[in-house]
Amino acid sequence: MSPEYAMYGQFSMKSDVYSLGVLVLEIISGKKNSNFYQMDDTVDNLITYAWRQWSSGSPLELVDPIIGENYPKEEAVRCIHIGVLCVQEDPAKRPTLSTIHQMLTSSSICLPDPQTPGFFFGNGVGTVRSTNDSILCSINDATVTEFGPR
């Protein structure tokens, strides 16, 4: 669910783009976005984990290990790139569905650099970024509140 819909009830075609990006990242990673994952002493959701891998320059760490090593790495990186573009916090920065179709079917299209995604967990458990608001999701780092629509 896109941050703008979850927080303010605003729905648009860019909300669908956000959902498509989450779906692409789920398919590539073999993980659900709704779960939290313990990685390197931080707790992440799938979008946060994908963003961390992308921004650290190791996007192939996101690929499901069940796939093994026999897959076209350039295509996997391109799909991850598209997925991360789709989950950007600012809906105006997300590509349109027709642009995504072109990105997926033509490798000659140059992909822009993605911005920070919505619902990005900056320092593990603590704050959630979404449409320029910070929301405390754990007071004592012992619990994590799951966000859901009203």
N, C-alpha and C. Protein backbone atom coordinates (compact mmCIF):
# COMPACT_ATOMS: atom_id res chain seq x y z
N MET A 1 0.85 -1.17 0.00
CA MET A 1 0.00 0.00 0.00
C MET A 1 0.89 1.23 0.00
N SER A 2 0.60 2.16 -0.86
CA SER A 2 1.45 3.35 -0.98
C SER A 2 1.36 4.22 0.27
N PRO A 3 2.43 4.93 0.60
CA PRO A 3 2.43 5.77 1.80
C PRO A 3 1.35 6.84 1.77
N GLU A 4 1.12 7.44 0.61
CA GLU A 4 0.13 8.51 0.54
C GLU A 4 -1.30 7.97 0.76
N TYR A 5 -1.53 6.73 0.39
CA TYR A 5 -2.85 6.13 0.64
C TYR A 5 -2.97 5.71 2.11
N ALA A 6 -1.93 5.10 2.65
CA ALA A 6 -1.96 4.65 4.04
C ALA A 6 -2.09 5.82 5.01
N MET A 7 -1.42 6.92 4.71
CA MET A 7 -1.40 8.06 5.64
C MET A 7 -2.58 9.02 5.43
N TYR A 8 -2.95 9.26 4.18
CA TYR A 8 -3.91 10.32 3.89
C TYR A 8 -5.12 9.87 3.08
N GLY A 9 -5.17 8.62 2.69
CA GLY A 9 -6.29 8.12 1.89
C GLY A 9 -6.26 8.61 0.45
N GLN A 10 -5.13 9.13 -0.01
CA GLN A 10 -5.00 9.61 -1.39
C GLN A 10 -4.60 8.45 -2.28
N PHE A 11 -5.40 8.20 -3.30
CA PHE A 11 -5.14 7.09 -4.21
C PHE A 11 -5.03 7.63 -5.63
N SER A 12 -4.06 7.11 -6.38
CA SER A 12 -3.87 7.52 -7.77
C SER A 12 -3.21 6.39 -8.53
N MET A 13 -2.94 6.62 -9.81
CA MET A 13 -2.20 5.62 -10.60
C MET A 13 -0.81 5.39 -10.00
N LYS A 14 -0.24 6.40 -9.36
CA LYS A 14 1.08 6.25 -8.74
C LYS A 14 1.02 5.33 -7.52
N SER A 15 -0.16 5.18 -6.92
CA SER A 15 -0.33 4.20 -5.85
C SER A 15 -0.20 2.79 -6.41
N ASP A 16 -0.75 2.58 -7.60
CA ASP A 16 -0.61 1.29 -8.28
C ASP A 16 0.86 1.02 -8.63
N VAL A 17 1.56 2.06 -9.03
CA VAL A 17 2.98 1.93 -9.36
C VAL A 17 3.76 1.50 -8.11
N TYR A 18 3.45 2.09 -6.97
CA TYR A 18 4.10 1.71 -5.72
C TYR A 18 3.87 0.22 -5.44
N SER A 19 2.62 -0.21 -5.58
CA SER A 19 2.29 -1.62 -5.34
C SER A 19 3.01 -2.54 -6.32
N LEU A 20 3.13 -2.12 -7.56
CA LEU A 20 3.86 -2.91 -8.55
C LEU A 20 5.33 -3.04 -8.15
N GLY A 21 5.91 -1.94 -7.66
CA GLY A 21 7.30 -1.98 -7.21
C GLY A 21 7.51 -2.95 -6.06
N VAL A 22 6.57 -2.95 -5.12
CA VAL A 22 6.64 -3.89 -4.00
C VAL A 22 6.55 -5.32 -4.52
N LEU A 23 5.64 -5.56 -5.45
CA LEU A 23 5.47 -6.89 -6.03
C LEU A 23 6.74 -7.35 -6.74
N VAL A 24 7.36 -6.48 -7.51
CA VAL A 24 8.61 -6.82 -8.20
C VAL A 24 9.69 -7.20 -7.19
N LEU A 25 9.83 -6.41 -6.12
CA LEU A 25 10.84 -6.70 -5.10
C LEU A 25 10.53 -8.00 -4.36
N GLU A 26 9.24 -8.30 -4.14
CA GLU A 26 8.86 -9.56 -3.50
C GLU A 26 9.20 -10.75 -4.38
N ILE A 27 8.94 -10.63 -5.67
CA ILE A 27 9.24 -11.73 -6.60
C ILE A 27 10.74 -11.99 -6.66
N ILE A 28 11.52 -10.94 -6.78
CA ILE A 28 12.97 -11.09 -6.89
C ILE A 28 13.58 -11.67 -5.62
N SER A 29 13.09 -11.21 -4.47
CA SER A 29 13.70 -11.61 -3.20
C SER A 29 13.12 -12.89 -2.62
N GLY A 30 11.89 -13.24 -3.01
CA GLY A 30 11.23 -14.38 -2.40
C GLY A 30 10.75 -14.09 -0.99
N LYS A 31 10.69 -12.81 -0.61
CA LYS A 31 10.26 -12.40 0.72
C LYS A 31 9.00 -11.54 0.63
N LYS A 32 8.21 -11.55 1.70
CA LYS A 32 7.02 -10.70 1.77
C LYS A 32 7.41 -9.34 2.33
N ASN A 33 6.77 -8.30 1.83
CA ASN A 33 7.02 -6.97 2.36
C ASN A 33 6.42 -6.81 3.75
N SER A 34 5.40 -7.56 4.07
CA SER A 34 4.70 -7.39 5.34
C SER A 34 5.48 -7.91 6.54
N ASN A 35 6.55 -8.67 6.31
CA ASN A 35 7.34 -9.21 7.41
C ASN A 35 8.52 -8.30 7.71
N PHE A 36 9.05 -8.44 8.92
CA PHE A 36 10.26 -7.73 9.30
C PHE A 36 11.40 -8.72 9.31
N TYR A 37 12.58 -8.27 8.91
CA TYR A 37 13.75 -9.14 8.79
C TYR A 37 14.89 -8.58 9.61
N GLN A 38 15.55 -9.44 10.37
CA GLN A 38 16.73 -9.06 11.14
C GLN A 38 17.94 -9.22 10.25
N MET A 39 18.64 -8.11 9.99
CA MET A 39 19.82 -8.16 9.12
C MET A 39 20.86 -7.20 9.65
N ASP A 40 22.04 -7.70 9.92
CA ASP A 40 23.15 -6.85 10.36
C ASP A 40 22.77 -5.95 11.54
N ASP A 41 22.19 -6.51 12.58
CA ASP A 41 21.79 -5.79 13.79
C ASP A 41 20.74 -4.72 13.55
N THR A 42 20.02 -4.76 12.44
CA THR A 42 18.91 -3.85 12.20
C THR A 42 17.69 -4.66 11.82
N VAL A 43 16.53 -4.07 12.03
CA VAL A 43 15.28 -4.70 11.65
C VAL A 43 14.75 -3.93 10.45
N ASP A 44 14.50 -4.62 9.35
CA ASP A 44 14.06 -3.98 8.12
C ASP A 44 12.81 -4.64 7.58
N ASN A 45 12.03 -3.86 6.83
CA ASN A 45 11.03 -4.47 5.98
C ASN A 45 11.67 -4.65 4.61
N LEU A 46 10.99 -5.26 3.69
CA LEU A 46 11.58 -5.57 2.39
C LEU A 46 12.03 -4.32 1.64
N ILE A 47 11.21 -3.28 1.67
CA ILE A 47 11.56 -2.06 0.94
C ILE A 47 12.83 -1.44 1.52
N THR A 48 12.93 -1.40 2.82
CA THR A 48 14.13 -0.86 3.46
C THR A 48 15.35 -1.69 3.12
N TYR A 49 15.19 -3.00 3.20
CA TYR A 49 16.30 -3.89 2.87
C TYR A 49 16.74 -3.71 1.42
N ALA A 50 15.77 -3.63 0.50
CA ALA A 50 16.10 -3.42 -0.91
C ALA A 50 16.82 -2.09 -1.11
N TRP A 51 16.34 -1.05 -0.42
CA TRP A 51 16.98 0.26 -0.54
C TRP A 51 18.42 0.22 -0.01
N ARG A 52 18.62 -0.44 1.12
CA ARG A 52 19.97 -0.53 1.69
C ARG A 52 20.90 -1.27 0.72
N GLN A 53 20.42 -2.36 0.12
CA GLN A 53 21.26 -3.10 -0.82
C GLN A 53 21.54 -2.26 -2.06
N TRP A 54 20.53 -1.57 -2.55
CA TRP A 54 20.70 -0.73 -3.74
C TRP A 54 21.70 0.39 -3.47
N SER A 55 21.49 1.13 -2.37
CA SER A 55 22.35 2.28 -2.11
C SER A 55 23.77 1.88 -1.70
N SER A 56 23.97 0.66 -1.23
CA SER A 56 25.32 0.20 -0.90
C SER A 56 26.03 -0.40 -2.11
N GLY A 57 25.33 -0.48 -3.24
CA GLY A 57 25.96 -0.99 -4.45
C GLY A 57 25.97 -2.51 -4.57
N SER A 58 25.14 -3.18 -3.78
CA SER A 58 25.07 -4.64 -3.86
C SER A 58 23.63 -5.13 -4.04
N PRO A 59 22.96 -4.70 -5.12
CA PRO A 59 21.56 -5.06 -5.30
C PRO A 59 21.33 -6.56 -5.46
N LEU A 60 22.31 -7.30 -5.97
CA LEU A 60 22.11 -8.74 -6.18
C LEU A 60 22.00 -9.52 -4.87
N GLU A 61 22.34 -8.89 -3.74
CA GLU A 61 22.14 -9.51 -2.43
C GLU A 61 20.65 -9.72 -2.17
N LEU A 62 19.81 -8.98 -2.88
CA LEU A 62 18.36 -9.08 -2.72
C LEU A 62 17.78 -10.33 -3.39
N VAL A 63 18.47 -10.85 -4.39
CA VAL A 63 17.96 -11.99 -5.16
C VAL A 63 17.82 -13.22 -4.27
N ASP A 64 16.69 -13.90 -4.39
CA ASP A 64 16.40 -15.11 -3.62
C ASP A 64 17.50 -16.14 -3.84
N PRO A 65 18.13 -16.63 -2.78
CA PRO A 65 19.21 -17.61 -2.95
C PRO A 65 18.76 -18.93 -3.57
N ILE A 66 17.48 -19.21 -3.53
CA ILE A 66 16.97 -20.44 -4.15
C ILE A 66 17.21 -20.44 -5.66
N ILE A 67 17.26 -19.25 -6.25
CA ILE A 67 17.49 -19.13 -7.70
C ILE A 67 18.87 -19.66 -8.06
N GLY A 68 19.81 -19.56 -7.12
CA GLY A 68 21.17 -19.99 -7.41
C GLY A 68 21.94 -18.91 -8.13
N GLU A 69 22.90 -19.31 -8.93
CA GLU A 69 23.74 -18.35 -9.64
C GLU A 69 23.47 -18.32 -11.14
N ASN A 70 22.55 -19.14 -11.60
CA ASN A 70 22.31 -19.26 -13.03
C ASN A 70 21.13 -18.39 -13.46
N TYR A 71 21.35 -17.08 -13.54
CA TYR A 71 20.33 -16.13 -14.00
C TYR A 71 21.04 -14.93 -14.61
N PRO A 72 20.37 -14.20 -15.50
CA PRO A 72 21.01 -13.02 -16.11
C PRO A 72 21.10 -11.87 -15.09
N LYS A 73 22.27 -11.63 -14.59
CA LYS A 73 22.51 -10.66 -13.52
C LYS A 73 22.09 -9.24 -13.94
N GLU A 74 22.38 -8.87 -15.19
CA GLU A 74 22.02 -7.52 -15.66
C GLU A 74 20.52 -7.32 -15.62
N GLU A 75 19.75 -8.35 -16.01
CA GLU A 75 18.29 -8.25 -15.98
C GLU A 75 17.77 -8.16 -14.55
N ALA A 76 18.38 -8.92 -13.65
CA ALA A 76 17.98 -8.87 -12.24
C ALA A 76 18.22 -7.48 -11.66
N VAL A 77 19.40 -6.90 -11.94
CA VAL A 77 19.71 -5.56 -11.44
C VAL A 77 18.73 -4.55 -12.04
N ARG A 78 18.41 -4.69 -13.32
CA ARG A 78 17.46 -3.77 -13.95
C ARG A 78 16.08 -3.87 -13.30
N CYS A 79 15.62 -5.08 -13.02
CA CYS A 79 14.32 -5.26 -12.37
C CYS A 79 14.32 -4.69 -10.95
N ILE A 80 15.41 -4.88 -10.22
CA ILE A 80 15.53 -4.30 -8.88
C ILE A 80 15.51 -2.77 -8.99
N HIS A 81 16.23 -2.23 -9.96
CA HIS A 81 16.27 -0.79 -10.19
C HIS A 81 14.85 -0.26 -10.44
N ILE A 82 14.11 -0.94 -11.29
CA ILE A 82 12.74 -0.53 -11.59
C ILE A 82 11.87 -0.63 -10.34
N GLY A 83 12.03 -1.72 -9.57
CA GLY A 83 11.27 -1.87 -8.34
C GLY A 83 11.53 -0.74 -7.35
N VAL A 84 12.79 -0.35 -7.21
CA VAL A 84 13.16 0.72 -6.29
C VAL A 84 12.64 2.06 -6.81
N LEU A 85 12.64 2.26 -8.12
CA LEU A 85 12.06 3.48 -8.68
C LEU A 85 10.56 3.58 -8.38
N CYS A 86 9.89 2.45 -8.38
CA CYS A 86 8.44 2.42 -8.17
C CYS A 86 8.03 2.71 -6.73
N VAL A 87 8.92 2.47 -5.77
CA VAL A 87 8.55 2.66 -4.36
C VAL A 87 9.13 3.96 -3.78
N GLN A 88 9.50 4.89 -4.64
CA GLN A 88 10.00 6.18 -4.16
C GLN A 88 8.93 6.88 -3.34
N GLU A 89 9.37 7.63 -2.35
CA GLU A 89 8.44 8.32 -1.45
C GLU A 89 7.55 9.32 -2.19
N ASP A 90 8.13 10.10 -3.06
CA ASP A 90 7.38 11.13 -3.79
C ASP A 90 6.68 10.50 -5.00
N PRO A 91 5.34 10.50 -5.01
CA PRO A 91 4.62 9.89 -6.13
C PRO A 91 4.98 10.50 -7.49
N ALA A 92 5.31 11.78 -7.50
CA ALA A 92 5.66 12.45 -8.76
C ALA A 92 6.96 11.90 -9.35
N LYS A 93 7.83 11.35 -8.51
CA LYS A 93 9.11 10.79 -8.97
C LYS A 93 8.96 9.36 -9.49
N ARG A 94 7.86 8.70 -9.14
CA ARG A 94 7.65 7.33 -9.61
C ARG A 94 7.32 7.33 -11.10
N PRO A 95 7.79 6.33 -11.83
CA PRO A 95 7.48 6.28 -13.27
C PRO A 95 6.00 5.94 -13.49
N THR A 96 5.51 6.24 -14.67
CA THR A 96 4.15 5.85 -15.03
C THR A 96 4.14 4.38 -15.44
N LEU A 97 2.96 3.78 -15.50
CA LEU A 97 2.87 2.38 -15.89
C LEU A 97 3.36 2.16 -17.32
N SER A 98 3.09 3.10 -18.21
CA SER A 98 3.57 2.94 -19.59
C SER A 98 5.10 3.06 -19.65
N THR A 99 5.68 3.91 -18.83
CA THR A 99 7.14 4.03 -18.78
C THR A 99 7.75 2.75 -18.22
N ILE A 100 7.11 2.17 -17.20
CA ILE A 100 7.59 0.92 -16.63
C ILE A 100 7.58 -0.18 -17.69
N HIS A 101 6.52 -0.23 -18.48
CA HIS A 101 6.44 -1.22 -19.56
C HIS A 101 7.61 -1.05 -20.51
N GLN A 102 7.92 0.18 -20.88
CA GLN A 102 9.06 0.45 -21.77
C GLN A 102 10.37 0.06 -21.10
N MET A 103 10.50 0.34 -19.81
CA MET A 103 11.73 0.00 -19.08
C MET A 103 11.95 -1.52 -19.05
N LEU A 104 10.86 -2.26 -18.90
CA LEU A 104 10.95 -3.71 -18.82
C LEU A 104 11.20 -4.37 -20.17
N THR A 105 10.73 -3.75 -21.24
CA THR A 105 10.83 -4.38 -22.55
C THR A 105 11.98 -3.86 -23.41
N SER A 106 12.62 -2.78 -22.99
CA SER A 106 13.72 -2.22 -23.77
C SER A 106 14.90 -1.92 -22.86
N SER A 107 16.00 -2.58 -23.11
CA SER A 107 17.19 -2.33 -22.29
C SER A 107 17.93 -1.06 -22.71
N SER A 108 17.48 -0.42 -23.79
CA SER A 108 18.16 0.79 -24.25
C SER A 108 17.70 2.03 -23.49
N ILE A 109 16.62 1.94 -22.71
CA ILE A 109 16.14 3.08 -21.94
C ILE A 109 17.01 3.23 -20.70
N CYS A 110 17.56 4.42 -20.51
CA CYS A 110 18.40 4.71 -19.35
C CYS A 110 17.50 4.99 -18.15
N LEU A 111 17.75 4.29 -17.06
CA LEU A 111 16.93 4.44 -15.86
C LEU A 111 17.50 5.53 -14.96
N PRO A 112 16.62 6.40 -14.42
CA PRO A 112 17.10 7.46 -13.52
C PRO A 112 17.52 6.89 -12.16
N ASP A 113 18.25 7.69 -11.41
CA ASP A 113 18.64 7.30 -10.05
C ASP A 113 17.42 7.41 -9.15
N PRO A 114 17.16 6.39 -8.34
CA PRO A 114 16.00 6.44 -7.44
C PRO A 114 16.26 7.32 -6.22
N GLN A 115 15.18 7.83 -5.66
CA GLN A 115 15.20 8.58 -4.41
C GLN A 115 14.80 7.64 -3.27
N THR A 116 14.86 8.11 -2.05
CA THR A 116 14.50 7.33 -0.87
C THR A 116 13.06 6.83 -0.98
N PRO A 117 12.82 5.57 -0.65
CA PRO A 117 11.46 5.04 -0.72
C PRO A 117 10.58 5.51 0.44
N GLY A 118 9.25 5.37 0.24
CA GLY A 118 8.31 5.61 1.32
C GLY A 118 8.40 4.47 2.31
N PHE A 119 8.07 4.74 3.57
CA PHE A 119 8.15 3.77 4.66
C PHE A 119 9.56 3.22 4.80
N PHE A 120 10.55 4.09 4.73
CA PHE A 120 11.95 3.71 4.86
C PHE A 120 12.33 3.76 6.34
N PHE A 121 12.82 2.65 6.86
CA PHE A 121 13.27 2.59 8.25
C PHE A 121 14.71 3.06 8.26
N GLY A 122 14.95 4.30 8.69
CA GLY A 122 16.27 4.89 8.62
C GLY A 122 17.31 4.25 9.52
N ASN A 123 17.04 4.07 10.80
CA ASN A 123 18.01 3.53 11.74
C ASN A 123 17.48 2.26 12.38
N GLY A 124 17.10 1.29 11.57
CA GLY A 124 16.50 0.10 12.16
C GLY A 124 15.16 0.48 12.73
N VAL A 125 14.82 -0.01 13.91
CA VAL A 125 13.55 0.33 14.55
C VAL A 125 13.68 1.72 15.14
N GLY A 126 12.67 2.55 14.99
CA GLY A 126 12.73 3.88 15.57
C GLY A 126 11.84 4.83 14.83
N THR A 127 12.20 5.20 13.60
CA THR A 127 11.39 6.14 12.86
C THR A 127 11.02 5.55 11.52
N VAL A 128 9.93 6.00 11.02
CA VAL A 128 9.47 5.58 9.71
C VAL A 128 9.34 6.83 8.86
N ARG A 129 9.94 6.82 7.68
CA ARG A 129 9.81 7.96 6.77
C ARG A 129 8.61 7.72 5.89
N SER A 130 7.78 8.71 5.81
CA SER A 130 6.66 8.64 4.88
C SER A 130 6.13 10.04 4.67
N THR A 131 6.13 10.48 3.44
CA THR A 131 5.65 11.79 3.06
C THR A 131 6.07 12.88 4.05
N ASN A 132 7.37 12.90 4.36
CA ASN A 132 8.02 13.92 5.17
C ASN A 132 7.58 13.94 6.63
N ASP A 133 6.98 12.88 7.15
CA ASP A 133 6.62 12.77 8.56
C ASP A 133 7.50 11.72 9.20
N SER A 134 7.79 11.88 10.49
CA SER A 134 8.44 10.82 11.26
C SER A 134 7.47 10.36 12.32
N ILE A 135 7.32 9.05 12.45
CA ILE A 135 6.39 8.47 13.39
C ILE A 135 7.15 7.49 14.26
N LEU A 136 7.06 7.64 15.56
CA LEU A 136 7.72 6.71 16.46
C LEU A 136 7.01 5.36 16.39
N CYS A 137 7.74 4.29 16.11
CA CYS A 137 7.10 2.98 16.02
C CYS A 137 7.59 2.04 17.11
N SER A 138 8.50 2.49 17.95
CA SER A 138 8.92 1.69 19.11
C SER A 138 9.54 2.64 20.13
N ILE A 139 8.98 2.63 21.32
CA ILE A 139 9.50 3.51 22.37
C ILE A 139 10.73 2.90 23.01
N ASN A 140 10.71 1.59 23.22
CA ASN A 140 11.79 0.95 23.96
C ASN A 140 12.58 -0.06 23.14
N ASP A 141 12.41 -0.08 21.84
CA ASP A 141 13.07 -1.01 20.93
C ASP A 141 12.75 -2.48 21.24
N ALA A 142 11.76 -2.73 22.07
CA ALA A 142 11.37 -4.11 22.39
C ALA A 142 10.18 -4.54 21.57
N THR A 143 9.41 -3.60 21.06
CA THR A 143 8.24 -3.95 20.26
C THR A 143 8.24 -3.17 18.97
N VAL A 144 7.54 -3.67 17.99
CA VAL A 144 7.39 -2.97 16.72
C VAL A 144 5.91 -2.92 16.40
N THR A 145 5.40 -1.75 16.16
CA THR A 145 4.00 -1.57 15.81
C THR A 145 3.86 -1.76 14.31
N GLU A 146 2.91 -2.59 13.89
CA GLU A 146 2.64 -2.76 12.47
C GLU A 146 1.63 -1.70 12.05
N PHE A 147 1.95 -0.99 10.98
CA PHE A 147 1.07 0.03 10.48
C PHE A 147 0.03 -0.58 9.58
N GLY A 148 -1.19 -0.11 9.67
CA GLY A 148 -2.26 -0.62 8.82
C GLY A 148 -3.24 0.49 8.53
N PRO A 149 -4.02 0.35 7.49
CA PRO A 149 -4.99 1.39 7.16
C PRO A 149 -6.12 1.42 8.16
N ARG A 150 -6.81 2.52 8.21
CA ARG A 150 -7.97 2.63 9.11
C ARG A 150 -9.16 1.94 8.52
